[in-house]
């Protein structure tokens, strides 16, 4: 499997995967992603800004994530404490294809993000998720992310995590 930047021609496939994730969150009884975000324009903007990444296998897109090597303004205020104040990468809008659900694809995606961070000499990953997104919290636990506290995005409280990647 390869993690690489997405291109505009892949937008329909990426949007399809995100729509599957939006529906899954709805079926789980969550209000996460139920208000028109993310949408196709979000993905278009991610590609334009260079944030859009896909995890592919045999030319098939298995997962999508926005991987942002920049400051997330919402992370400037946390009820709690981040592990570091160094440069960090933010991972947003993670979604895997229904065709590969339950096969560890999102976990693999996060491991690839760690490799990308090391290549770019950024040794911290900061993420957030809804309080009811149990599958994502399990991934964070499995990959040794530390719960750091609460942040707020668009007025909604979210669980904030950080992982410090060992320097090699």
N, C-alpha and C. Protein backbone atom coordinates (compact mmCIF):
# COMPACT_ATOMS: atom_id res chain seq x y z
N UNK A 1 0.83 -1.19 0.00
CA UNK A 1 0.00 0.00 0.00
C UNK A 1 0.88 1.25 0.00
N UNK A 2 0.42 2.24 -0.70
CA UNK A 2 1.18 3.48 -0.84
C UNK A 2 0.31 4.66 -0.44
N UNK A 3 0.88 5.55 0.36
CA UNK A 3 0.23 6.82 0.69
C UNK A 3 0.83 7.88 -0.22
N UNK A 4 -0.04 8.59 -0.94
CA UNK A 4 0.44 9.64 -1.83
C UNK A 4 -0.60 10.74 -1.92
N UNK A 5 -0.16 11.90 -2.46
CA UNK A 5 -1.08 13.01 -2.66
C UNK A 5 -2.15 12.63 -3.68
N UNK A 6 -3.35 13.09 -3.42
CA UNK A 6 -4.47 12.86 -4.33
C UNK A 6 -4.42 13.86 -5.48
N UNK A 7 -5.05 13.50 -6.59
CA UNK A 7 -5.15 14.39 -7.74
C UNK A 7 -6.63 14.62 -8.04
N UNK A 8 -6.90 15.69 -8.79
CA UNK A 8 -8.29 16.09 -9.06
C UNK A 8 -9.12 15.00 -9.71
N UNK A 9 -8.53 14.19 -10.57
CA UNK A 9 -9.31 13.14 -11.25
C UNK A 9 -9.83 12.09 -10.25
N UNK A 10 -9.27 12.06 -9.06
CA UNK A 10 -9.69 11.09 -8.04
C UNK A 10 -10.80 11.63 -7.13
N UNK A 11 -11.16 12.90 -7.32
CA UNK A 11 -12.16 13.52 -6.46
C UNK A 11 -13.46 12.71 -6.38
N UNK A 12 -14.02 12.20 -7.49
CA UNK A 12 -15.26 11.43 -7.37
C UNK A 12 -15.14 10.19 -6.48
N UNK A 13 -14.03 9.49 -6.59
CA UNK A 13 -13.82 8.29 -5.76
C UNK A 13 -13.66 8.69 -4.30
N UNK A 14 -12.86 9.72 -4.05
CA UNK A 14 -12.66 10.20 -2.68
C UNK A 14 -13.99 10.64 -2.07
N UNK A 15 -14.76 11.40 -2.83
CA UNK A 15 -16.06 11.87 -2.34
C UNK A 15 -16.98 10.69 -2.04
N UNK A 16 -16.92 9.66 -2.87
CA UNK A 16 -17.72 8.46 -2.62
C UNK A 16 -17.34 7.80 -1.31
N UNK A 17 -16.06 7.71 -1.03
CA UNK A 17 -15.59 7.13 0.23
C UNK A 17 -16.04 7.98 1.41
N UNK A 18 -15.92 9.29 1.27
CA UNK A 18 -16.38 10.17 2.35
C UNK A 18 -17.89 10.05 2.56
N UNK A 19 -18.65 9.91 1.49
CA UNK A 19 -20.11 9.73 1.64
C UNK A 19 -20.43 8.44 2.40
N UNK A 20 -19.66 7.39 2.16
CA UNK A 20 -19.84 6.15 2.92
C UNK A 20 -19.58 6.39 4.40
N UNK A 21 -18.53 7.15 4.71
CA UNK A 21 -18.20 7.44 6.11
C UNK A 21 -19.26 8.33 6.75
N UNK A 22 -19.78 9.28 6.00
CA UNK A 22 -20.84 10.15 6.51
C UNK A 22 -22.07 9.30 6.86
N UNK A 23 -22.42 8.39 5.98
CA UNK A 23 -23.56 7.50 6.23
C UNK A 23 -23.30 6.60 7.44
N UNK A 24 -22.07 6.11 7.58
CA UNK A 24 -21.73 5.24 8.72
C UNK A 24 -21.87 6.01 10.03
N UNK A 25 -21.40 7.25 10.05
CA UNK A 25 -21.53 8.06 11.28
C UNK A 25 -23.01 8.27 11.61
N UNK A 26 -23.83 8.46 10.57
CA UNK A 26 -25.28 8.62 10.78
C UNK A 26 -25.88 7.34 11.37
N UNK A 27 -25.51 6.20 10.79
CA UNK A 27 -26.02 4.91 11.29
C UNK A 27 -25.57 4.65 12.72
N UNK A 28 -24.40 5.18 13.09
CA UNK A 28 -23.90 5.03 14.45
C UNK A 28 -24.62 5.95 15.43
N UNK A 29 -25.50 6.81 14.90
CA UNK A 29 -26.24 7.73 15.77
C UNK A 29 -25.48 8.99 16.11
N UNK A 30 -24.43 9.27 15.37
CA UNK A 30 -23.60 10.44 15.62
C UNK A 30 -24.08 11.64 14.81
N UNK A 31 -23.82 12.83 15.34
CA UNK A 31 -24.08 14.04 14.56
C UNK A 31 -22.83 14.49 13.81
N UNK A 32 -21.72 13.76 14.00
CA UNK A 32 -20.48 14.10 13.29
C UNK A 32 -20.69 13.93 11.79
N UNK A 33 -20.31 14.96 11.04
CA UNK A 33 -20.37 14.97 9.58
C UNK A 33 -21.81 14.92 9.06
N UNK A 34 -22.77 15.40 9.83
CA UNK A 34 -24.16 15.34 9.41
C UNK A 34 -24.72 16.71 9.03
N UNK A 35 -23.84 17.71 8.94
CA UNK A 35 -24.31 19.08 8.68
C UNK A 35 -23.80 19.65 7.36
N UNK A 36 -23.47 18.77 6.42
CA UNK A 36 -22.98 19.25 5.13
C UNK A 36 -21.46 19.37 5.04
N UNK A 37 -20.77 19.00 6.10
CA UNK A 37 -19.31 18.99 6.13
C UNK A 37 -18.87 17.59 6.53
N UNK A 38 -17.89 17.05 5.88
CA UNK A 38 -17.21 17.54 4.68
C UNK A 38 -18.10 17.37 3.44
N UNK A 39 -17.72 18.06 2.39
CA UNK A 39 -18.45 17.98 1.13
C UNK A 39 -17.45 17.96 -0.03
N UNK A 40 -17.96 17.92 -1.25
CA UNK A 40 -17.06 17.86 -2.41
C UNK A 40 -16.12 19.05 -2.48
N UNK A 41 -16.63 20.23 -2.10
CA UNK A 41 -15.78 21.42 -2.12
C UNK A 41 -14.64 21.29 -1.11
N UNK A 42 -14.91 20.65 0.02
CA UNK A 42 -13.87 20.42 1.02
C UNK A 42 -12.73 19.60 0.41
N UNK A 43 -13.10 18.55 -0.30
CA UNK A 43 -12.09 17.69 -0.94
C UNK A 43 -11.35 18.47 -2.02
N UNK A 44 -12.08 19.22 -2.81
CA UNK A 44 -11.47 20.05 -3.86
C UNK A 44 -10.45 20.99 -3.23
N UNK A 45 -10.83 21.64 -2.14
CA UNK A 45 -9.92 22.56 -1.45
C UNK A 45 -8.71 21.83 -0.89
N UNK A 46 -8.93 20.63 -0.33
CA UNK A 46 -7.81 19.83 0.18
C UNK A 46 -6.81 19.52 -0.93
N UNK A 47 -7.32 19.14 -2.10
CA UNK A 47 -6.42 18.83 -3.23
C UNK A 47 -5.67 20.09 -3.65
N UNK A 48 -6.39 21.20 -3.76
CA UNK A 48 -5.78 22.47 -4.16
C UNK A 48 -4.66 22.87 -3.21
N UNK A 49 -4.88 22.71 -1.92
CA UNK A 49 -3.90 23.12 -0.90
C UNK A 49 -2.79 22.09 -0.68
N UNK A 50 -2.92 20.92 -1.32
CA UNK A 50 -1.91 19.88 -1.13
C UNK A 50 -2.10 19.06 0.13
N UNK A 51 -3.29 19.10 0.72
CA UNK A 51 -3.59 18.36 1.95
C UNK A 51 -4.14 16.97 1.68
N UNK A 52 -4.68 16.75 0.50
CA UNK A 52 -5.41 15.52 0.20
C UNK A 52 -4.45 14.36 -0.09
N UNK A 53 -4.62 13.28 0.66
CA UNK A 53 -3.81 12.08 0.48
C UNK A 53 -4.72 10.87 0.34
N UNK A 54 -4.28 9.92 -0.46
CA UNK A 54 -4.99 8.66 -0.61
C UNK A 54 -4.04 7.51 -0.29
N UNK A 55 -4.61 6.48 0.29
CA UNK A 55 -3.88 5.23 0.49
C UNK A 55 -4.36 4.30 -0.60
N UNK A 56 -3.43 3.85 -1.44
CA UNK A 56 -3.81 3.04 -2.58
C UNK A 56 -3.14 1.67 -2.52
N UNK A 57 -3.81 0.71 -3.16
CA UNK A 57 -3.28 -0.64 -3.31
C UNK A 57 -3.73 -1.13 -4.68
N UNK A 58 -2.81 -1.51 -5.52
CA UNK A 58 -3.13 -1.95 -6.89
C UNK A 58 -4.00 -0.92 -7.61
N UNK A 59 -3.63 0.34 -7.49
CA UNK A 59 -4.33 1.46 -8.12
C UNK A 59 -5.76 1.68 -7.62
N UNK A 60 -6.14 1.02 -6.53
CA UNK A 60 -7.45 1.23 -5.92
C UNK A 60 -7.30 2.13 -4.70
N UNK A 61 -8.15 3.14 -4.59
CA UNK A 61 -8.12 4.02 -3.43
C UNK A 61 -8.86 3.33 -2.29
N UNK A 62 -8.13 3.09 -1.20
CA UNK A 62 -8.71 2.41 -0.04
C UNK A 62 -9.12 3.39 1.05
N UNK A 63 -8.41 4.51 1.13
CA UNK A 63 -8.68 5.46 2.22
C UNK A 63 -8.27 6.86 1.80
N UNK A 64 -8.83 7.82 2.52
CA UNK A 64 -8.56 9.24 2.28
C UNK A 64 -8.29 9.92 3.62
N UNK A 65 -7.42 10.92 3.57
CA UNK A 65 -7.20 11.78 4.74
C UNK A 65 -6.63 13.12 4.28
N UNK A 66 -6.99 14.15 5.01
CA UNK A 66 -6.33 15.45 4.84
C UNK A 66 -5.17 15.46 5.82
N UNK A 67 -3.96 15.59 5.29
CA UNK A 67 -2.74 15.59 6.10
C UNK A 67 -2.12 16.96 5.95
N UNK A 68 -2.12 17.70 7.05
CA UNK A 68 -1.81 19.12 7.00
C UNK A 68 -0.55 19.42 7.81
N UNK A 69 0.50 19.80 7.13
CA UNK A 69 1.75 20.18 7.77
C UNK A 69 1.70 21.68 8.04
N UNK A 70 0.80 22.07 8.90
CA UNK A 70 0.60 23.49 9.22
C UNK A 70 -0.14 23.57 10.55
N UNK A 71 -0.26 24.75 11.06
CA UNK A 71 -0.93 24.97 12.33
C UNK A 71 -2.44 24.82 12.16
N UNK A 72 -3.06 24.14 13.11
CA UNK A 72 -4.53 24.06 13.19
C UNK A 72 -4.95 25.08 14.24
N UNK A 73 -5.55 26.20 13.83
CA UNK A 73 -5.90 27.25 14.80
C UNK A 73 -6.72 26.75 15.98
N UNK A 74 -7.60 25.79 15.76
CA UNK A 74 -8.42 25.28 16.85
C UNK A 74 -7.58 24.62 17.94
N UNK A 75 -6.37 24.21 17.60
CA UNK A 75 -5.51 23.53 18.57
C UNK A 75 -4.74 24.51 19.46
N UNK A 76 -4.85 25.79 19.18
CA UNK A 76 -4.16 26.78 20.01
C UNK A 76 -4.74 26.87 21.41
N UNK A 77 -6.02 26.50 21.54
CA UNK A 77 -6.65 26.51 22.86
C UNK A 77 -7.12 25.10 23.17
N UNK A 78 -6.61 24.53 24.24
CA UNK A 78 -6.98 23.18 24.64
C UNK A 78 -7.29 23.19 26.13
N UNK A 79 -8.35 22.51 26.49
CA UNK A 79 -8.61 22.25 27.91
C UNK A 79 -7.86 20.97 28.19
N UNK A 80 -6.69 21.12 28.75
CA UNK A 80 -5.75 20.03 28.92
C UNK A 80 -4.38 20.53 28.53
N UNK A 81 -3.54 19.64 28.01
CA UNK A 81 -2.18 20.06 27.64
C UNK A 81 -1.65 19.13 26.55
N UNK A 82 -1.14 19.75 25.49
CA UNK A 82 -0.46 18.98 24.46
C UNK A 82 0.84 18.44 25.02
N UNK A 83 1.35 17.36 24.43
CA UNK A 83 2.62 16.77 24.87
C UNK A 83 3.80 17.64 24.47
N UNK A 84 3.69 18.32 23.30
CA UNK A 84 4.79 19.12 22.79
C UNK A 84 4.26 20.46 22.29
N UNK A 85 5.18 21.38 22.10
CA UNK A 85 4.88 22.66 21.46
C UNK A 85 5.67 22.79 20.16
N UNK A 86 6.17 21.67 19.66
CA UNK A 86 6.98 21.65 18.44
C UNK A 86 6.08 21.68 17.20
N UNK A 87 6.70 21.69 16.02
CA UNK A 87 5.96 21.55 14.77
C UNK A 87 5.17 20.24 14.81
N UNK A 88 4.04 20.22 14.14
CA UNK A 88 3.21 19.02 14.13
C UNK A 88 2.46 18.93 12.81
N UNK A 89 1.95 17.74 12.56
CA UNK A 89 1.06 17.50 11.44
C UNK A 89 -0.32 17.25 12.01
N UNK A 90 -1.32 17.68 11.27
CA UNK A 90 -2.72 17.45 11.64
C UNK A 90 -3.32 16.48 10.63
N UNK A 91 -4.10 15.54 11.12
CA UNK A 91 -4.80 14.61 10.24
C UNK A 91 -6.30 14.81 10.45
N UNK A 92 -6.98 15.17 9.37
CA UNK A 92 -8.43 15.39 9.41
C UNK A 92 -9.10 14.53 8.33
N UNK A 93 -10.41 14.37 8.45
CA UNK A 93 -11.26 13.78 7.42
C UNK A 93 -10.81 12.39 6.98
N UNK A 94 -10.50 11.55 7.95
CA UNK A 94 -10.08 10.18 7.65
C UNK A 94 -11.31 9.35 7.29
N UNK A 95 -11.23 8.65 6.17
CA UNK A 95 -12.32 7.77 5.74
C UNK A 95 -11.75 6.60 4.95
N UNK A 96 -12.30 5.42 5.19
CA UNK A 96 -11.90 4.24 4.43
C UNK A 96 -13.08 3.72 3.63
N UNK A 97 -12.77 3.10 2.53
CA UNK A 97 -13.79 2.52 1.68
C UNK A 97 -14.52 1.39 2.41
N UNK A 98 -15.83 1.31 2.22
CA UNK A 98 -16.60 0.21 2.81
C UNK A 98 -16.07 -1.14 2.35
N UNK A 99 -15.48 -1.19 1.18
CA UNK A 99 -14.97 -2.45 0.64
C UNK A 99 -13.85 -3.04 1.50
N UNK A 100 -13.20 -2.21 2.31
CA UNK A 100 -12.08 -2.69 3.14
C UNK A 100 -12.28 -2.41 4.63
N UNK A 101 -13.51 -2.11 5.03
CA UNK A 101 -13.79 -1.85 6.45
C UNK A 101 -13.40 -3.07 7.28
N UNK A 102 -12.83 -2.80 8.44
CA UNK A 102 -12.47 -3.87 9.36
C UNK A 102 -11.20 -4.60 9.01
N UNK A 103 -10.44 -4.08 8.04
CA UNK A 103 -9.21 -4.76 7.62
C UNK A 103 -7.96 -4.00 8.03
N UNK A 104 -8.10 -3.05 8.96
CA UNK A 104 -6.93 -2.33 9.47
C UNK A 104 -6.39 -1.26 8.55
N UNK A 105 -7.19 -0.83 7.58
CA UNK A 105 -6.71 0.14 6.59
C UNK A 105 -6.45 1.50 7.24
N UNK A 106 -7.34 1.97 8.09
CA UNK A 106 -7.13 3.26 8.75
C UNK A 106 -5.90 3.22 9.65
N UNK A 107 -5.69 2.10 10.32
CA UNK A 107 -4.48 1.94 11.14
C UNK A 107 -3.24 2.02 10.25
N UNK A 108 -3.29 1.35 9.12
CA UNK A 108 -2.16 1.39 8.18
C UNK A 108 -1.94 2.82 7.68
N UNK A 109 -3.02 3.52 7.39
CA UNK A 109 -2.91 4.91 6.94
C UNK A 109 -2.15 5.74 7.97
N UNK A 110 -2.51 5.61 9.24
CA UNK A 110 -1.83 6.39 10.28
C UNK A 110 -0.35 6.00 10.41
N UNK A 111 -0.04 4.74 10.19
CA UNK A 111 1.39 4.33 10.21
C UNK A 111 2.14 4.97 9.05
N UNK A 112 1.49 5.07 7.90
CA UNK A 112 2.11 5.75 6.76
C UNK A 112 2.28 7.24 7.02
N UNK A 113 1.33 7.84 7.73
CA UNK A 113 1.46 9.25 8.11
C UNK A 113 2.71 9.43 8.98
N UNK A 114 2.94 8.51 9.89
CA UNK A 114 4.14 8.58 10.73
C UNK A 114 5.41 8.57 9.88
N UNK A 115 5.45 7.70 8.87
CA UNK A 115 6.62 7.65 7.98
C UNK A 115 6.79 8.98 7.24
N UNK A 116 5.68 9.54 6.77
CA UNK A 116 5.71 10.82 6.07
C UNK A 116 6.25 11.92 6.99
N UNK A 117 5.84 11.89 8.24
CA UNK A 117 6.32 12.87 9.21
C UNK A 117 7.83 12.78 9.39
N UNK A 118 8.32 11.57 9.54
CA UNK A 118 9.77 11.38 9.73
C UNK A 118 10.52 11.90 8.50
N UNK A 119 9.99 11.61 7.30
CA UNK A 119 10.62 12.12 6.07
C UNK A 119 10.71 13.63 6.08
N UNK A 120 9.69 14.28 6.65
CA UNK A 120 9.65 15.75 6.67
C UNK A 120 10.21 16.33 7.96
N UNK A 121 10.74 15.47 8.80
CA UNK A 121 11.36 15.88 10.07
C UNK A 121 10.37 16.62 10.99
N UNK A 122 9.15 16.12 11.02
CA UNK A 122 8.11 16.59 11.93
C UNK A 122 7.78 15.39 12.82
N UNK A 123 7.91 15.57 14.13
CA UNK A 123 7.86 14.43 15.03
C UNK A 123 6.65 14.44 15.97
N UNK A 124 5.61 15.13 15.57
CA UNK A 124 4.38 15.16 16.36
C UNK A 124 3.18 15.11 15.43
N UNK A 125 2.21 14.27 15.79
CA UNK A 125 0.93 14.21 15.07
C UNK A 125 -0.15 14.59 16.07
N UNK A 126 -0.96 15.58 15.70
CA UNK A 126 -2.09 15.99 16.53
C UNK A 126 -3.37 15.73 15.77
N UNK A 127 -4.34 15.16 16.46
CA UNK A 127 -5.61 14.80 15.86
C UNK A 127 -6.73 15.07 16.85
N UNK A 128 -7.95 15.06 16.31
CA UNK A 128 -9.12 15.17 17.18
C UNK A 128 -10.24 14.33 16.60
N UNK A 129 -11.19 14.01 17.45
CA UNK A 129 -12.37 13.26 17.00
C UNK A 129 -13.53 13.54 17.93
N UNK A 130 -14.71 13.22 17.45
CA UNK A 130 -15.91 13.34 18.28
C UNK A 130 -15.82 12.38 19.46
N UNK A 131 -16.52 12.73 20.54
CA UNK A 131 -16.53 11.89 21.73
C UNK A 131 -17.21 10.55 21.47
N UNK A 132 -18.02 10.45 20.42
CA UNK A 132 -18.73 9.20 20.14
C UNK A 132 -18.11 8.40 18.99
N UNK A 133 -16.94 8.80 18.51
CA UNK A 133 -16.32 8.09 17.40
C UNK A 133 -15.40 6.98 17.95
N UNK A 134 -16.05 5.93 18.42
CA UNK A 134 -15.34 4.82 19.07
C UNK A 134 -14.31 4.16 18.15
N UNK A 135 -14.64 3.90 16.87
CA UNK A 135 -13.62 3.27 16.01
C UNK A 135 -12.34 4.11 15.90
N UNK A 136 -12.48 5.43 15.79
CA UNK A 136 -11.28 6.27 15.68
C UNK A 136 -10.50 6.27 17.01
N UNK A 137 -11.22 6.32 18.11
CA UNK A 137 -10.53 6.29 19.41
C UNK A 137 -9.78 4.98 19.61
N UNK A 138 -10.33 3.88 19.10
CA UNK A 138 -9.63 2.59 19.19
C UNK A 138 -8.33 2.62 18.40
N UNK A 139 -8.37 3.24 17.23
CA UNK A 139 -7.15 3.36 16.43
C UNK A 139 -6.11 4.17 17.19
N UNK A 140 -6.53 5.29 17.76
CA UNK A 140 -5.58 6.12 18.52
C UNK A 140 -4.98 5.34 19.67
N UNK A 141 -5.81 4.56 20.37
CA UNK A 141 -5.32 3.75 21.49
C UNK A 141 -4.33 2.69 20.99
N UNK A 142 -4.68 2.02 19.91
CA UNK A 142 -3.84 0.96 19.35
C UNK A 142 -2.47 1.50 18.93
N UNK A 143 -2.43 2.73 18.42
CA UNK A 143 -1.19 3.32 17.91
C UNK A 143 -0.49 4.21 18.93
N UNK A 144 -0.90 4.12 20.20
CA UNK A 144 -0.24 4.80 21.32
C UNK A 144 -0.32 6.32 21.25
N UNK A 145 -1.46 6.84 20.78
CA UNK A 145 -1.71 8.27 20.88
C UNK A 145 -2.10 8.57 22.32
N UNK A 146 -1.76 9.75 22.79
CA UNK A 146 -2.08 10.17 24.15
C UNK A 146 -3.25 11.14 24.12
N UNK A 147 -4.26 10.87 24.94
CA UNK A 147 -5.38 11.80 25.07
C UNK A 147 -4.87 13.02 25.82
N UNK A 148 -5.03 14.20 25.22
CA UNK A 148 -4.47 15.42 25.79
C UNK A 148 -5.52 16.36 26.36
N UNK A 149 -6.78 16.21 25.98
CA UNK A 149 -7.83 17.08 26.48
C UNK A 149 -8.86 17.38 25.42
N UNK A 150 -9.53 18.52 25.58
CA UNK A 150 -10.60 18.91 24.66
C UNK A 150 -10.21 20.16 23.89
N UNK A 151 -10.59 20.14 22.62
CA UNK A 151 -10.48 21.34 21.78
C UNK A 151 -11.88 21.61 21.23
N UNK A 152 -12.03 22.76 20.59
CA UNK A 152 -13.33 23.13 20.06
C UNK A 152 -13.20 23.50 18.59
N UNK A 153 -14.03 22.88 17.77
CA UNK A 153 -14.09 23.20 16.35
C UNK A 153 -15.53 23.58 16.03
N UNK A 154 -15.70 24.78 15.52
CA UNK A 154 -17.03 25.32 15.23
C UNK A 154 -17.95 25.22 16.44
N UNK A 155 -17.38 25.47 17.61
CA UNK A 155 -18.14 25.47 18.85
C UNK A 155 -18.39 24.11 19.46
N UNK A 156 -18.01 23.04 18.76
CA UNK A 156 -18.23 21.69 19.27
C UNK A 156 -16.97 21.15 19.95
N UNK A 157 -17.17 20.56 21.11
CA UNK A 157 -16.06 19.97 21.86
C UNK A 157 -15.63 18.66 21.20
N UNK A 158 -14.32 18.46 21.12
CA UNK A 158 -13.76 17.26 20.50
C UNK A 158 -12.60 16.74 21.34
N UNK A 159 -12.41 15.45 21.31
CA UNK A 159 -11.29 14.82 22.01
C UNK A 159 -10.00 15.07 21.21
N UNK A 160 -8.96 15.52 21.89
CA UNK A 160 -7.69 15.84 21.24
C UNK A 160 -6.61 14.84 21.67
N UNK A 161 -5.85 14.40 20.69
CA UNK A 161 -4.79 13.41 20.92
C UNK A 161 -3.50 13.88 20.26
N UNK A 162 -2.40 13.38 20.81
CA UNK A 162 -1.11 13.65 20.19
C UNK A 162 -0.25 12.40 20.28
N UNK A 163 0.56 12.21 19.25
CA UNK A 163 1.58 11.15 19.27
C UNK A 163 2.91 11.78 18.93
N UNK A 164 3.88 11.53 19.76
CA UNK A 164 5.24 11.98 19.50
C UNK A 164 5.98 10.81 18.86
N UNK A 165 6.55 11.06 17.70
CA UNK A 165 7.25 10.03 16.95
C UNK A 165 8.72 10.08 17.36
N UNK A 166 9.26 8.92 17.73
CA UNK A 166 10.69 8.90 18.11
C UNK A 166 11.58 9.35 16.95
N UNK A 167 12.58 10.11 17.28
CA UNK A 167 13.56 10.54 16.27
C UNK A 167 14.55 9.42 16.08
N UNK A 168 14.83 9.12 14.81
CA UNK A 168 15.74 8.02 14.54
C UNK A 168 17.14 8.50 14.28
